[in-house]
Amino acid sequence: MDKIWFIIIDNKSTGPFSYDELRANSGITPDTLVWKEGFDGWKKIRDVPELKKLFEEDSKQNDEDENQIKLLDKDPPQDELVLEMGEMTQPPYFIWLLLALVSLLYVILHLYY
């Protein structure tokens, strides 16, 4: 892209910058003053249709990031959590029954033999 944009940072005019360079500059805000050839004077970035996109893209990305964070922070439904924990912490009841029967058989065999 063409380097056509001049900006004022810390009361000093700097530039020229390309659109991509402006987008990569973290010190730029919607209130940063900008100028290019053909402008009558300095304008805030928010008032320049070509540069409004700089912050719309950021806000869209921030919205997407916030939505992802909300999804990650959301607790799983309690019924799913109970099922998962039940499966992980204790075997099904028939295994307990089988274990009890084997233990009882062991005791009986040792008492009579």
PDB file of N, CA and C in Angstrom:
ATOM      1  N   MET A   1       0.836  -1.184   0.000  1.00  0.00           N
ATOM      2  CA  MET A   1       0.000   0.000   0.000  1.00  0.00           C
ATOM      3  C   MET A   1       0.876   1.242   0.000  1.00  0.00           C
ATOM      4  N   ASP A   2       0.271   2.296  -0.480  1.00  0.00           N
ATOM      5  CA  ASP A   2       0.996   3.563  -0.551  1.00  0.00           C
ATOM      6  C   ASP A   2       1.144   4.190   0.820  1.00  0.00           C
ATOM      7  N   LYS A   3       2.277   4.816   1.019  1.00  0.00           N
ATOM      8  CA  LYS A   3       2.522   5.549   2.259  1.00  0.00           C
ATOM      9  C   LYS A   3       2.044   6.979   2.044  1.00  0.00           C
ATOM     10  N   ILE A   4       0.791   7.219   2.445  1.00  0.00           N
ATOM     11  CA  ILE A   4       0.199   8.531   2.188  1.00  0.00           C
ATOM     12  C   ILE A   4      -0.291   9.226   3.451  1.00  0.00           C
ATOM     13  N   TRP A   5      -0.258   8.552   4.579  1.00  0.00           N
ATOM     14  CA  TRP A   5      -0.856   9.067   5.805  1.00  0.00           C
ATOM     15  C   TRP A   5       0.197   9.658   6.737  1.00  0.00           C
ATOM     16  N   PHE A   6      -0.075  10.887   7.196  1.00  0.00           N
ATOM     17  CA  PHE A   6       0.743  11.537   8.209  1.00  0.00           C
ATOM     18  C   PHE A   6      -0.094  11.611   9.473  1.00  0.00           C
ATOM     19  N   ILE A   7       0.552  11.422  10.617  1.00  0.00           N
ATOM     20  CA  ILE A   7      -0.166  11.474  11.887  1.00  0.00           C
ATOM     21  C   ILE A   7       0.572  12.378  12.858  1.00  0.00           C
ATOM     22  N   ILE A   8      -0.157  12.815  13.874  1.00  0.00           N
ATOM     23  CA  ILE A   8       0.457  13.609  14.944  1.00  0.00           C
ATOM     24  C   ILE A   8       0.488  12.749  16.197  1.00  0.00           C
ATOM     25  N   ILE A   9       1.692  12.500  16.676  1.00  0.00           N
ATOM     26  CA  ILE A   9       1.898  11.766  17.924  1.00  0.00           C
ATOM     27  C   ILE A   9       2.837  12.604  18.781  1.00  0.00           C
ATOM     28  N   ASP A  10       2.448  12.825  20.021  1.00  0.00           N
ATOM     29  CA  ASP A  10       3.220  13.651  20.954  1.00  0.00           C
ATOM     30  C   ASP A  10       3.486  15.041  20.363  1.00  0.00           C
ATOM     31  N   ASN A  11       2.461  15.600  19.764  1.00  0.00           N
ATOM     32  CA  ASN A  11       2.515  16.949  19.166  1.00  0.00           C
ATOM     33  C   ASN A  11       3.544  17.066  18.046  1.00  0.00           C
ATOM     34  N   LYS A  12       3.905  15.958  17.422  1.00  0.00           N
ATOM     35  CA  LYS A  12       4.852  15.987  16.306  1.00  0.00           C
ATOM     36  C   LYS A  12       4.229  15.262  15.122  1.00  0.00           C
ATOM     37  N   SER A  13       4.379  15.841  13.965  1.00  0.00           N
ATOM     38  CA  SER A  13       3.901  15.222  12.737  1.00  0.00           C
ATOM     39  C   SER A  13       4.905  14.173  12.293  1.00  0.00           C
ATOM     40  N   THR A  14       4.414  12.963  12.047  1.00  0.00           N
ATOM     41  CA  THR A  14       5.294  11.891  11.574  1.00  0.00           C
ATOM     42  C   THR A  14       4.637  11.217  10.386  1.00  0.00           C
ATOM     43  N   GLY A  15       5.444  10.608   9.584  1.00  0.00           N
ATOM     44  CA  GLY A  15       4.922   9.889   8.437  1.00  0.00           C
ATOM     45  C   GLY A  15       5.801  10.139   7.238  1.00  0.00           C
ATOM     46  N   PRO A  16       5.441   9.653   6.152  1.00  0.00           N
ATOM     47  CA  PRO A  16       4.157   9.018   5.811  1.00  0.00           C
ATOM     48  C   PRO A  16       4.124   7.540   6.203  1.00  0.00           C
ATOM     49  N   PHE A  17       2.881   7.065   6.413  1.00  0.00           N
ATOM     50  CA  PHE A  17       2.628   5.681   6.771  1.00  0.00           C
ATOM     51  C   PHE A  17       1.641   5.061   5.788  1.00  0.00           C
ATOM     52  N   SER A  18       1.741   3.765   5.638  1.00  0.00           N
ATOM     53  CA  SER A  18       0.735   3.034   4.869  1.00  0.00           C
ATOM     54  C   SER A  18      -0.407   2.658   5.805  1.00  0.00           C
ATOM     55  N   TYR A  19      -1.509   2.221   5.244  1.00  0.00           N
ATOM     56  CA  TYR A  19      -2.654   1.768   6.039  1.00  0.00           C
ATOM     57  C   TYR A  19      -2.224   0.644   6.985  1.00  0.00           C
ATOM     58  N   ASP A  20      -1.463  -0.316   6.460  1.00  0.00           N
ATOM     59  CA  ASP A  20      -1.023  -1.453   7.284  1.00  0.00           C
ATOM     60  C   ASP A  20      -0.119  -0.997   8.434  1.00  0.00           C
ATOM     61  N   GLU A  21       0.728  -0.008   8.176  1.00  0.00           N
ATOM     62  CA  GLU A  21       1.591   0.504   9.240  1.00  0.00           C
ATOM     63  C   GLU A  21       0.768   1.208  10.322  1.00  0.00           C
ATOM     64  N   LEU A  22      -0.273   1.921   9.906  1.00  0.00           N
ATOM     65  CA  LEU A  22      -1.160   2.549  10.888  1.00  0.00           C
ATOM     66  C   LEU A  22      -1.867   1.490  11.720  1.00  0.00           C
ATOM     67  N   ARG A  23      -2.310   0.435  11.058  1.00  0.00           N
ATOM     68  CA  ARG A  23      -3.017  -0.635  11.771  1.00  0.00           C
ATOM     69  C   ARG A  23      -2.095  -1.319  12.782  1.00  0.00           C
ATOM     70  N   ALA A  24      -0.826  -1.446  12.456  1.00  0.00           N
ATOM     71  CA  ALA A  24       0.125  -2.128  13.341  1.00  0.00           C
ATOM     72  C   ALA A  24       0.604  -1.240  14.488  1.00  0.00           C
ATOM     73  N   ASN A  25       0.377   0.065  14.383  1.00  0.00           N
ATOM     74  CA  ASN A  25       0.854   0.997  15.399  1.00  0.00           C
ATOM     75  C   ASN A  25      -0.108   1.019  16.577  1.00  0.00           C
ATOM     76  N   SER A  26       0.326   0.526  17.728  1.00  0.00           N
ATOM     77  CA  SER A  26      -0.547   0.421  18.902  1.00  0.00           C
ATOM     78  C   SER A  26      -0.781   1.775  19.572  1.00  0.00           C
ATOM     79  N   GLY A  27      -0.021   2.793  19.201  1.00  0.00           N
ATOM     80  CA  GLY A  27      -0.180   4.114  19.810  1.00  0.00           C
ATOM     81  C   GLY A  27      -1.279   4.948  19.175  1.00  0.00           C
ATOM     82  N   ILE A  28      -1.865   4.442  18.116  1.00  0.00           N
ATOM     83  CA  ILE A  28      -2.894   5.189  17.402  1.00  0.00           C
ATOM     84  C   ILE A  28      -4.262   4.891  18.005  1.00  0.00           C
ATOM     85  N   THR A  29      -5.045   5.954  18.179  1.00  0.00           N
ATOM     86  CA  THR A  29      -6.409   5.821  18.685  1.00  0.00           C
ATOM     87  C   THR A  29      -7.366   6.451  17.671  1.00  0.00           C
ATOM     88  N   PRO A  30      -8.668   6.293  17.856  1.00  0.00           N
ATOM     89  CA  PRO A  30      -9.620   6.954  16.950  1.00  0.00           C
ATOM     90  C   PRO A  30      -9.505   8.476  16.981  1.00  0.00           C
ATOM     91  N   ASP A  31      -8.912   9.031  18.041  1.00  0.00           N
ATOM     92  CA  ASP A  31      -8.759  10.484  18.148  1.00  0.00           C
ATOM     93  C   ASP A  31      -7.423  10.996  17.618  1.00  0.00           C
ATOM     94  N   THR A  32      -6.558  10.101  17.153  1.00  0.00           N
ATOM     95  CA  THR A  32      -5.284  10.522  16.578  1.00  0.00           C
ATOM     96  C   THR A  32      -5.558  11.365  15.339  1.00  0.00           C
ATOM     97  N   LEU A  33      -4.830  12.483  15.215  1.00  0.00           N
ATOM     98  CA  LEU A  33      -4.990  13.357  14.055  1.00  0.00           C
ATOM     99  C   LEU A  33      -4.211  12.803  12.874  1.00  0.00           C
ATOM    100  N   VAL A  34      -4.844  12.867  11.705  1.00  0.00           N
ATOM    101  CA  VAL A  34      -4.259  12.298  10.495  1.00  0.00           C
ATOM    102  C   VAL A  34      -4.443  13.293   9.339  1.00  0.00           C
ATOM    103  N   TRP A  35      -3.526  13.217   8.407  1.00  0.00           N
ATOM    104  CA  TRP A  35      -3.594  14.092   7.235  1.00  0.00           C
ATOM    105  C   TRP A  35      -3.017  13.353   6.037  1.00  0.00           C
ATOM    106  N   LYS A  36      -3.567  13.639   4.866  1.00  0.00           N
ATOM    107  CA  LYS A  36      -2.979  13.183   3.606  1.00  0.00           C
ATOM    108  C   LYS A  36      -3.195  14.277   2.578  1.00  0.00           C
ATOM    109  N   GLU A  37      -2.493  14.178   1.493  1.00  0.00           N
ATOM    110  CA  GLU A  37      -2.610  15.177   0.434  1.00  0.00           C
ATOM    111  C   GLU A  37      -4.063  15.264  -0.037  1.00  0.00           C
ATOM    112  N   GLY A  38      -4.561  16.480  -0.139  1.00  0.00           N
ATOM    113  CA  GLY A  38      -5.942  16.699  -0.540  1.00  0.00           C
ATOM    114  C   GLY A  38      -6.844  17.078   0.615  1.00  0.00           C
ATOM    115  N   PHE A  39      -6.400  16.825   1.856  1.00  0.00           N
ATOM    116  CA  PHE A  39      -7.189  17.219   3.032  1.00  0.00           C
ATOM    117  C   PHE A  39      -7.038  18.729   3.246  1.00  0.00           C
ATOM    118  N   ASP A  40      -8.092  19.362   3.762  1.00  0.00           N
ATOM    119  CA  ASP A  40      -8.033  20.792   4.099  1.00  0.00           C
ATOM    120  C   ASP A  40      -7.232  21.022   5.368  1.00  0.00           C
ATOM    121  N   GLY A  41      -7.218  20.030   6.245  1.00  0.00           N
ATOM    122  CA  GLY A  41      -6.498  20.142   7.508  1.00  0.00           C
ATOM    123  C   GLY A  41      -6.439  18.778   8.172  1.00  0.00           C
ATOM    124  N   TRP A  42      -5.975  18.784   9.412  1.00  0.00           N
ATOM    125  CA  TRP A  42      -5.871  17.541  10.173  1.00  0.00           C
ATOM    126  C   TRP A  42      -7.259  17.084  10.591  1.00  0.00           C
ATOM    127  N   LYS A  43      -7.483  15.782  10.554  1.00  0.00           N
ATOM    128  CA  LYS A  43      -8.763  15.185  10.955  1.00  0.00           C
ATOM    129  C   LYS A  43      -8.502  14.041  11.919  1.00  0.00           C
ATOM    130  N   LYS A  44      -9.483  13.796  12.768  1.00  0.00           N
ATOM    131  CA  LYS A  44      -9.391  12.623  13.634  1.00  0.00           C
ATOM    132  C   LYS A  44      -9.619  11.383  12.775  1.00  0.00           C
ATOM    133  N   ILE A  45      -8.925  10.303  13.120  1.00  0.00           N
ATOM    134  CA  ILE A  45      -9.060   9.064  12.348  1.00  0.00           C
ATOM    135  C   ILE A  45     -10.518   8.624  12.285  1.00  0.00           C
ATOM    136  N   ARG A  46     -11.263   8.826  13.359  1.00  0.00           N
ATOM    137  CA  ARG A  46     -12.669   8.407  13.382  1.00  0.00           C
ATOM    138  C   ARG A  46     -13.509   9.144  12.336  1.00  0.00           C
ATOM    139  N   ASP A  47     -13.017  10.306  11.874  1.00  0.00           N
ATOM    140  CA  ASP A  47     -13.758  11.097  10.890  1.00  0.00           C
ATOM    141  C   ASP A  47     -13.315  10.836   9.457  1.00  0.00           C
ATOM    142  N   VAL A  48     -12.384   9.921   9.269  1.00  0.00           N
ATOM    143  CA  VAL A  48     -11.884   9.594   7.933  1.00  0.00           C
ATOM    144  C   VAL A  48     -12.432   8.229   7.539  1.00  0.00           C
ATOM    145  N   PRO A  49     -13.364   8.190   6.574  1.00  0.00           N
ATOM    146  CA  PRO A  49     -14.001   6.912   6.217  1.00  0.00           C
ATOM    147  C   PRO A  49     -13.009   5.807   5.869  1.00  0.00           C
ATOM    148  N   GLU A  50     -11.928   6.157   5.213  1.00  0.00           N
ATOM    149  CA  GLU A  50     -10.936   5.147   4.812  1.00  0.00           C
ATOM    150  C   GLU A  50     -10.239   4.514   6.019  1.00  0.00           C
ATOM    151  N   LEU A  51     -10.148   5.266   7.120  1.00  0.00           N
ATOM    152  CA  LEU A  51      -9.393   4.779   8.277  1.00  0.00           C
ATOM    153  C   LEU A  51     -10.276   4.292   9.421  1.00  0.00           C
ATOM    154  N   LYS A  52     -11.585   4.521   9.335  1.00  0.00           N
ATOM    155  CA  LYS A  52     -12.488   4.018  10.370  1.00  0.00           C
ATOM    156  C   LYS A  52     -12.334   2.518  10.538  1.00  0.00           C
ATOM    157  N   LYS A  53     -12.044   1.852   9.440  1.00  0.00           N
ATOM    158  CA  LYS A  53     -11.911   0.389   9.453  1.00  0.00           C
ATOM    159  C   LYS A  53     -10.806  -0.083  10.395  1.00  0.00           C
ATOM    160  N   LEU A  54      -9.826   0.794  10.642  1.00  0.00           N
ATOM    161  CA  LEU A  54      -8.736   0.406  11.545  1.00  0.00           C
ATOM    162  C   LEU A  54      -9.280  -0.065  12.882  1.00  0.00           C
ATOM    163  N   PHE A  55     -10.284   0.620  13.378  1.00  0.00           N
ATOM    164  CA  PHE A  55     -10.802   0.312  14.708  1.00  0.00           C
ATOM    165  C   PHE A  55     -12.024  -0.583  14.642  1.00  0.00           C
ATOM    166  N   GLU A  56     -12.723  -0.600  13.530  1.00  0.00           N
ATOM    167  CA  GLU A  56     -13.834  -1.533  13.371  1.00  0.00           C
ATOM    168  C   GLU A  56     -13.314  -2.955  13.338  1.00  0.00           C
ATOM    169  N   GLU A  57     -12.196  -3.177  12.639  1.00  0.00           N
ATOM    170  CA  GLU A  57     -11.594  -4.514  12.584  1.00  0.00           C
ATOM    171  C   GLU A  57     -11.155  -4.947  13.969  1.00  0.00           C
ATOM    172  N   ASP A  58     -10.555  -4.007  14.720  1.00  0.00           N
ATOM    173  CA  ASP A  58     -10.125  -4.332  16.079  1.00  0.00           C
ATOM    174  C   ASP A  58     -11.313  -4.665  16.959  1.00  0.00           C
ATOM    175  N   SER A  59     -12.402  -3.879  16.833  1.00  0.00           N
ATOM    176  CA  SER A  59     -13.558  -4.135  17.691  1.00  0.00           C
ATOM    177  C   SER A  59     -14.226  -5.447  17.316  1.00  0.00           C
ATOM    178  N   LYS A  60     -14.244  -5.797  16.016  1.00  0.00           N
ATOM    179  CA  LYS A  60     -14.799  -7.095  15.609  1.00  0.00           C
ATOM    180  C   LYS A  60     -13.963  -8.223  16.190  1.00  0.00           C
ATOM    181  N   GLN A  61     -12.650  -8.083  16.116  1.00  0.00           N
ATOM    182  CA  GLN A  61     -11.763  -9.108  16.657  1.00  0.00           C
ATOM    183  C   GLN A  61     -11.942  -9.211  18.168  1.00  0.00           C
ATOM    184  N   ASN A  62     -12.073  -8.040  18.836  1.00  0.00           N
ATOM    185  CA  ASN A  62     -12.279  -8.049  20.287  1.00  0.00           C
ATOM    186  C   ASN A  62     -13.593  -8.723  20.643  1.00  0.00           C
ATOM    187  N   ASP A  63     -14.649  -8.465  19.844  1.00  0.00           N
ATOM    188  CA  ASP A  63     -15.936  -9.112  20.085  1.00  0.00           C
ATOM    189  C   ASP A  63     -15.817 -10.620  19.940  1.00  0.00           C
ATOM    190  N   GLU A  64     -15.104 -11.062  18.897  1.00  0.00           N
ATOM    191  CA  GLU A  64     -14.910 -12.499  18.695  1.00  0.00           C
ATOM    192  C   GLU A  64     -14.112 -13.099  19.850  1.00  0.00           C
ATOM    193  N   ASP A  65     -13.081 -12.388  20.289  1.00  0.00           N
ATOM    194  CA  ASP A  65     -12.275 -12.864  21.413  1.00  0.00           C
ATOM    195  C   ASP A  65     -13.114 -12.957  22.682  1.00  0.00           C
ATOM    196  N   GLU A  66     -13.949 -11.939  22.927  1.00  0.00           N
ATOM    197  CA  GLU A  66     -14.800 -11.951  24.113  1.00  0.00           C
ATOM    198  C   GLU A  66     -15.793 -13.106  24.058  1.00  0.00           C
ATOM    199  N   ASN A  67     -16.341 -13.382  22.864  1.00  0.00           N
ATOM    200  CA  ASN A  67     -17.274 -14.504  22.732  1.00  0.00           C
ATOM    201  C   ASN A  67     -16.576 -15.825  23.025  1.00  0.00           C
ATOM    202  N   GLN A  68     -15.345 -15.984  22.550  1.00  0.00           N
ATOM    203  CA  GLN A  68     -14.587 -17.202  22.820  1.00  0.00           C
ATOM    204  C   GLN A  68     -14.320 -17.349  24.316  1.00  0.00           C
ATOM    205  N   ILE A  69     -13.976 -16.235  24.964  1.00  0.00           N
ATOM    206  CA  ILE A  69     -13.704 -16.270  26.404  1.00  0.00           C
ATOM    207  C   ILE A  69     -14.966 -16.651  27.161  1.00  0.00           C
ATOM    208  N   LYS A  70     -16.105 -16.087  26.745  1.00  0.00           N
ATOM    209  CA  LYS A  70     -17.366 -16.422  27.405  1.00  0.00           C
ATOM    210  C   LYS A  70     -17.662 -17.904  27.271  1.00  0.00           C
ATOM    211  N   LEU A  71     -17.402 -18.464  26.094  1.00  0.00           N
ATOM    212  CA  LEU A  71     -17.644 -19.890  25.901  1.00  0.00           C
ATOM    213  C   LEU A  71     -16.732 -20.734  26.782  1.00  0.00           C
ATOM    214  N   LEU A  72     -15.485 -20.304  26.918  1.00  0.00           N
ATOM    215  CA  LEU A  72     -14.539 -21.053  27.739  1.00  0.00           C
ATOM    216  C   LEU A  72     -14.867 -20.931  29.219  1.00  0.00           C
ATOM    217  N   ASP A  73     -15.376 -19.752  29.631  1.00  0.00           N
ATOM    218  CA  ASP A  73     -15.703 -19.538  31.037  1.00  0.00           C
ATOM    219  C   ASP A  73     -17.015 -20.198  31.438  1.00  0.00           C
ATOM    220  N   LYS A  74     -17.829 -20.515  30.474  1.00  0.00           N
ATOM    221  CA  LYS A  74     -19.140 -21.084  30.771  1.00  0.00           C
ATOM    222  C   LYS A  74     -18.984 -22.475  31.376  1.00  0.00           C
ATOM    223  N   ASP A  75     -19.688 -22.699  32.480  1.00  0.00           N
ATOM    224  CA  ASP A  75     -19.656 -24.009  33.128  1.00  0.00           C
ATOM    225  C   ASP A  75     -20.449 -25.008  32.312  1.00  0.00           C
ATOM    226  N   PRO A  76     -20.002 -26.252  32.264  1.00  0.00           N
ATOM    227  CA  PRO A  76     -20.780 -27.261  31.543  1.00  0.00           C
ATOM    228  C   PRO A  76     -22.083 -27.529  32.281  1.00  0.00           C
ATOM    229  N   PRO A  77     -23.097 -27.990  31.585  1.00  0.00           N
ATOM    230  CA  PRO A  77     -24.358 -28.315  32.263  1.00  0.00           C
ATOM    231  C   PRO A  77     -24.114 -29.333  33.366  1.00  0.00           C
ATOM    232  N   GLN A  78     -24.835 -29.177  34.471  1.00  0.00           N
ATOM    233  CA  GLN A  78     -24.601 -30.012  35.646  1.00  0.00           C
ATOM    234  C   GLN A  78     -24.850 -31.494  35.385  1.00  0.00           C
ATOM    235  N   ASP A  79     -25.849 -31.813  34.555  1.00  0.00           N
ATOM    236  CA  ASP A  79     -26.110 -33.230  34.317  1.00  0.00           C
ATOM    237  C   ASP A  79     -24.952 -33.891  33.586  1.00  0.00           C
ATOM    238  N   GLU A  80     -24.312 -33.170  32.665  1.00  0.00           N
ATOM    239  CA  GLU A  80     -23.139 -33.728  31.987  1.00  0.00           C
ATOM    240  C   GLU A  80     -21.990 -33.898  32.971  1.00  0.00           C
ATOM    241  N   LEU A  81     -21.817 -32.914  33.857  1.00  0.00           N
ATOM    242  CA  LEU A  81     -20.742 -32.971  34.835  1.00  0.00           C
ATOM    243  C   LEU A  81     -20.923 -34.169  35.765  1.00  0.00           C
ATOM    244  N   VAL A  82     -22.141 -34.415  36.206  1.00  0.00           N
ATOM    245  CA  VAL A  82     -22.413 -35.550  37.091  1.00  0.00           C
ATOM    246  C   VAL A  82     -22.121 -36.857  36.384  1.00  0.00           C
ATOM    247  N   LEU A  83     -22.542 -36.976  35.126  1.00  0.00           N
ATOM    248  CA  LEU A  83     -22.280 -38.203  34.387  1.00  0.00           C
ATOM    249  C   LEU A  83     -20.785 -38.442  34.242  1.00  0.00           C
ATOM    250  N   GLU A  84     -20.054 -37.398  33.885  1.00  0.00           N
ATOM    251  CA  GLU A  84     -18.622 -37.559  33.703  1.00  0.00           C
ATOM    252  C   GLU A  84     -17.955 -37.947  35.007  1.00  0.00           C
ATOM    253  N   MET A  85     -18.300 -37.280  36.088  1.00  0.00           N
ATOM    254  CA  MET A  85     -17.661 -37.592  37.367  1.00  0.00           C
ATOM    255  C   MET A  85     -18.066 -38.980  37.841  1.00  0.00           C
ATOM    256  N   GLY A  86     -19.333 -39.362  37.614  1.00  0.00           N
ATOM    257  CA  GLY A  86     -19.775 -40.685  38.011  1.00  0.00           C
ATOM    258  C   GLY A  86     -19.015 -41.764  37.269  1.00  0.00           C
ATOM    259  N   GLU A  87     -18.774 -41.533  36.004  1.00  0.00           N
ATOM    260  CA  GLU A  87     -18.046 -42.521  35.204  1.00  0.00           C
ATOM    261  C   GLU A  87     -16.582 -42.589  35.621  1.00  0.00           C
ATOM    262  N   MET A  88     -16.018 -41.467  36.025  1.00  0.00           N
ATOM    263  CA  MET A  88     -14.601 -41.444  36.347  1.00  0.00           C
ATOM    264  C   MET A  88     -14.305 -41.926  37.758  1.00  0.00           C
ATOM    265  N   THR A  89     -15.211 -41.682  38.719  1.00  0.00           N
ATOM    266  CA  THR A  89     -14.865 -41.946  40.105  1.00  0.00           C
ATOM    267  C   THR A  89     -15.314 -43.303  40.608  1.00  0.00           C
ATOM    268  N   GLN A  90     -16.348 -43.889  40.016  1.00  0.00           N
ATOM    269  CA  GLN A  90     -16.778 -45.196  40.512  1.00  0.00           C
ATOM    270  C   GLN A  90     -17.221 -46.088  39.359  1.00  0.00           C
ATOM    271  N   PRO A  91     -16.856 -47.363  39.456  1.00  0.00           N
ATOM    272  CA  PRO A  91     -17.256 -48.300  38.407  1.00  0.00           C
ATOM    273  C   PRO A  91     -18.751 -48.581  38.495  1.00  0.00           C
ATOM    274  N   PRO A  92     -19.325 -49.120  37.461  1.00  0.00           N
ATOM    275  CA  PRO A  92     -20.764 -49.447  37.480  1.00  0.00           C
ATOM    276  C   PRO A  92     -21.092 -50.427  38.618  1.00  0.00           C
ATOM    277  N   TYR A  93     -22.345 -50.415  39.061  1.00  0.00           N
ATOM    278  CA  TYR A  93     -22.782 -51.205  40.218  1.00  0.00           C
ATOM    279  C   TYR A  93     -22.530 -52.701  40.039  1.00  0.00           C
ATOM    280  N   PHE A  94     -22.633 -53.228  38.802  1.00  0.00           N
ATOM    281  CA  PHE A  94     -22.465 -54.674  38.633  1.00  0.00           C
ATOM    282  C   PHE A  94     -21.039 -55.128  38.938  1.00  0.00           C
ATOM    283  N   ILE A  95     -20.068 -54.245  38.780  1.00  0.00           N
ATOM    284  CA  ILE A  95     -18.691 -54.600  39.142  1.00  0.00           C
ATOM    285  C   ILE A  95     -18.594 -54.749  40.654  1.00  0.00           C
ATOM    286  N   TRP A  96     -19.261 -53.864  41.410  1.00  0.00           N
ATOM    287  CA  TRP A  96     -19.281 -53.984  42.865  1.00  0.00           C
ATOM    288  C   TRP A  96     -19.970 -55.292  43.287  1.00  0.00           C
ATOM    289  N   LEU A  97     -21.058 -55.614  42.594  1.00  0.00           N
ATOM    290  CA  LEU A  97     -21.782 -56.844  42.899  1.00  0.00           C
ATOM    291  C   LEU A  97     -20.905 -58.064  42.619  1.00  0.00           C
ATOM    292  N   LEU A  98     -20.233 -58.059  41.492  1.00  0.00           N
ATOM    293  CA  LEU A  98     -19.339 -59.155  41.129  1.00  0.00           C
ATOM    294  C   LEU A  98     -18.203 -59.281  42.145  1.00  0.00           C
ATOM    295  N   LEU A  99     -17.647 -58.154  42.537  1.00  0.00           N
ATOM    296  CA  LEU A  99     -16.565 -58.159  43.520  1.00  0.00           C
ATOM    297  C   LEU A  99     -17.053 -58.714  44.870  1.00  0.00           C
ATOM    298  N   ALA A 100     -18.257 -58.355  45.270  1.00  0.00           N
ATOM    299  CA  ALA A 100     -18.821 -58.869  46.523  1.00  0.00           C
ATOM    300  C   ALA A 100     -19.050 -60.376  46.432  1.00  0.00           C
ATOM    301  N   LEU A 101     -19.545 -60.858  45.301  1.00  0.00           N
ATOM    302  CA  LEU A 101     -19.780 -62.296  45.133  1.00  0.00           C
ATOM    303  C   LEU A 101     -18.469 -63.081  45.148  1.00  0.00           C
ATOM    304  N   VAL A 102     -17.457 -62.589  44.509  1.00  0.00           N
ATOM    305  CA  VAL A 102     -16.162 -63.266  44.494  1.00  0.00           C
ATOM    306  C   VAL A 102     -15.584 -63.307  45.904  1.00  0.00           C
ATOM    307  N   SER A 103     -15.706 -62.191  46.623  1.00  0.00           N
ATOM    308  CA  SER A 103     -15.206 -62.152  48.008  1.00  0.00           C
ATOM    309  C   SER A 103     -15.955 -63.145  48.889  1.00  0.00           C
ATOM    310  N   LEU A 104     -17.272 -63.204  48.738  1.00  0.00           N
ATOM    311  CA  LEU A 104     -18.083 -64.141  49.516  1.00  0.00           C
ATOM    312  C   LEU A 104     -17.715 -65.582  49.177  1.00  0.00           C
ATOM    313  N   LEU A 105     -17.537 -65.873  47.905  1.00  0.00           N
ATOM    314  CA  LEU A 105     -17.133 -67.212  47.474  1.00  0.00           C
ATOM    315  C   LEU A 105     -15.770 -67.568  48.057  1.00  0.00           C
ATOM    316  N   TYR A 106     -14.850 -66.656  48.094  1.00  0.00           N
ATOM    317  CA  TYR A 106     -13.524 -66.885  48.654  1.00  0.00           C
ATOM    318  C   TYR A 106     -13.620 -67.243  50.142  1.00  0.00           C
ATOM    319  N   VAL A 107     -14.419 -66.464  50.863  1.00  0.00           N
ATOM    320  CA  VAL A 107     -14.589 -66.706  52.296  1.00  0.00           C
ATOM    321  C   VAL A 107     -15.215 -68.094  52.528  1.00  0.00           C
ATOM    322  N   ILE A 108     -16.252 -68.418  51.772  1.00  0.00           N
ATOM    323  CA  ILE A 108     -16.925 -69.715  51.931  1.00  0.00           C
ATOM    324  C   ILE A 108     -15.990 -70.865  51.616  1.00  0.00           C
ATOM    325  N   LEU A 109     -15.233 -70.778  50.570  1.00  0.00           N
ATOM    326  CA  LEU A 109     -14.301 -71.829  50.202  1.00  0.00           C
ATOM    327  C   LEU A 109     -13.236 -72.017  51.271  1.00  0.00           C
ATOM    328  N   HIS A 110     -12.752 -70.959  51.854  1.00  0.00           N
ATOM    329  CA  HIS A 110     -11.731 -71.079  52.897  1.00  0.00           C
ATOM    330  C   HIS A 110     -12.287 -71.626  54.208  1.00  0.00           C
ATOM    331  N   LEU A 111     -13.552 -71.403  54.467  1.00  0.00           N
ATOM    332  CA  LEU A 111     -14.135 -71.924  55.702  1.00  0.00           C
ATOM    333  C   LEU A 111     -14.386 -73.434  55.612  1.00  0.00           C
ATOM    334  N   TYR A 112     -14.781 -73.917  54.466  1.00  0.00           N
ATOM    335  CA  TYR A 112     -15.131 -75.323  54.337  1.00  0.00           C
ATOM    336  C   TYR A 112     -14.015 -76.197  53.766  1.00  0.00           C
ATOM    337  N   TYR A 113     -12.978 -75.670  53.267  1.00  0.00           N
ATOM    338  CA  TYR A 113     -11.901 -76.517  52.717  1.00  0.00           C
ATOM    339  C   TYR A 113     -10.611 -76.300  53.399  1.00  0.00           C
TER     340      TYR A 113
END
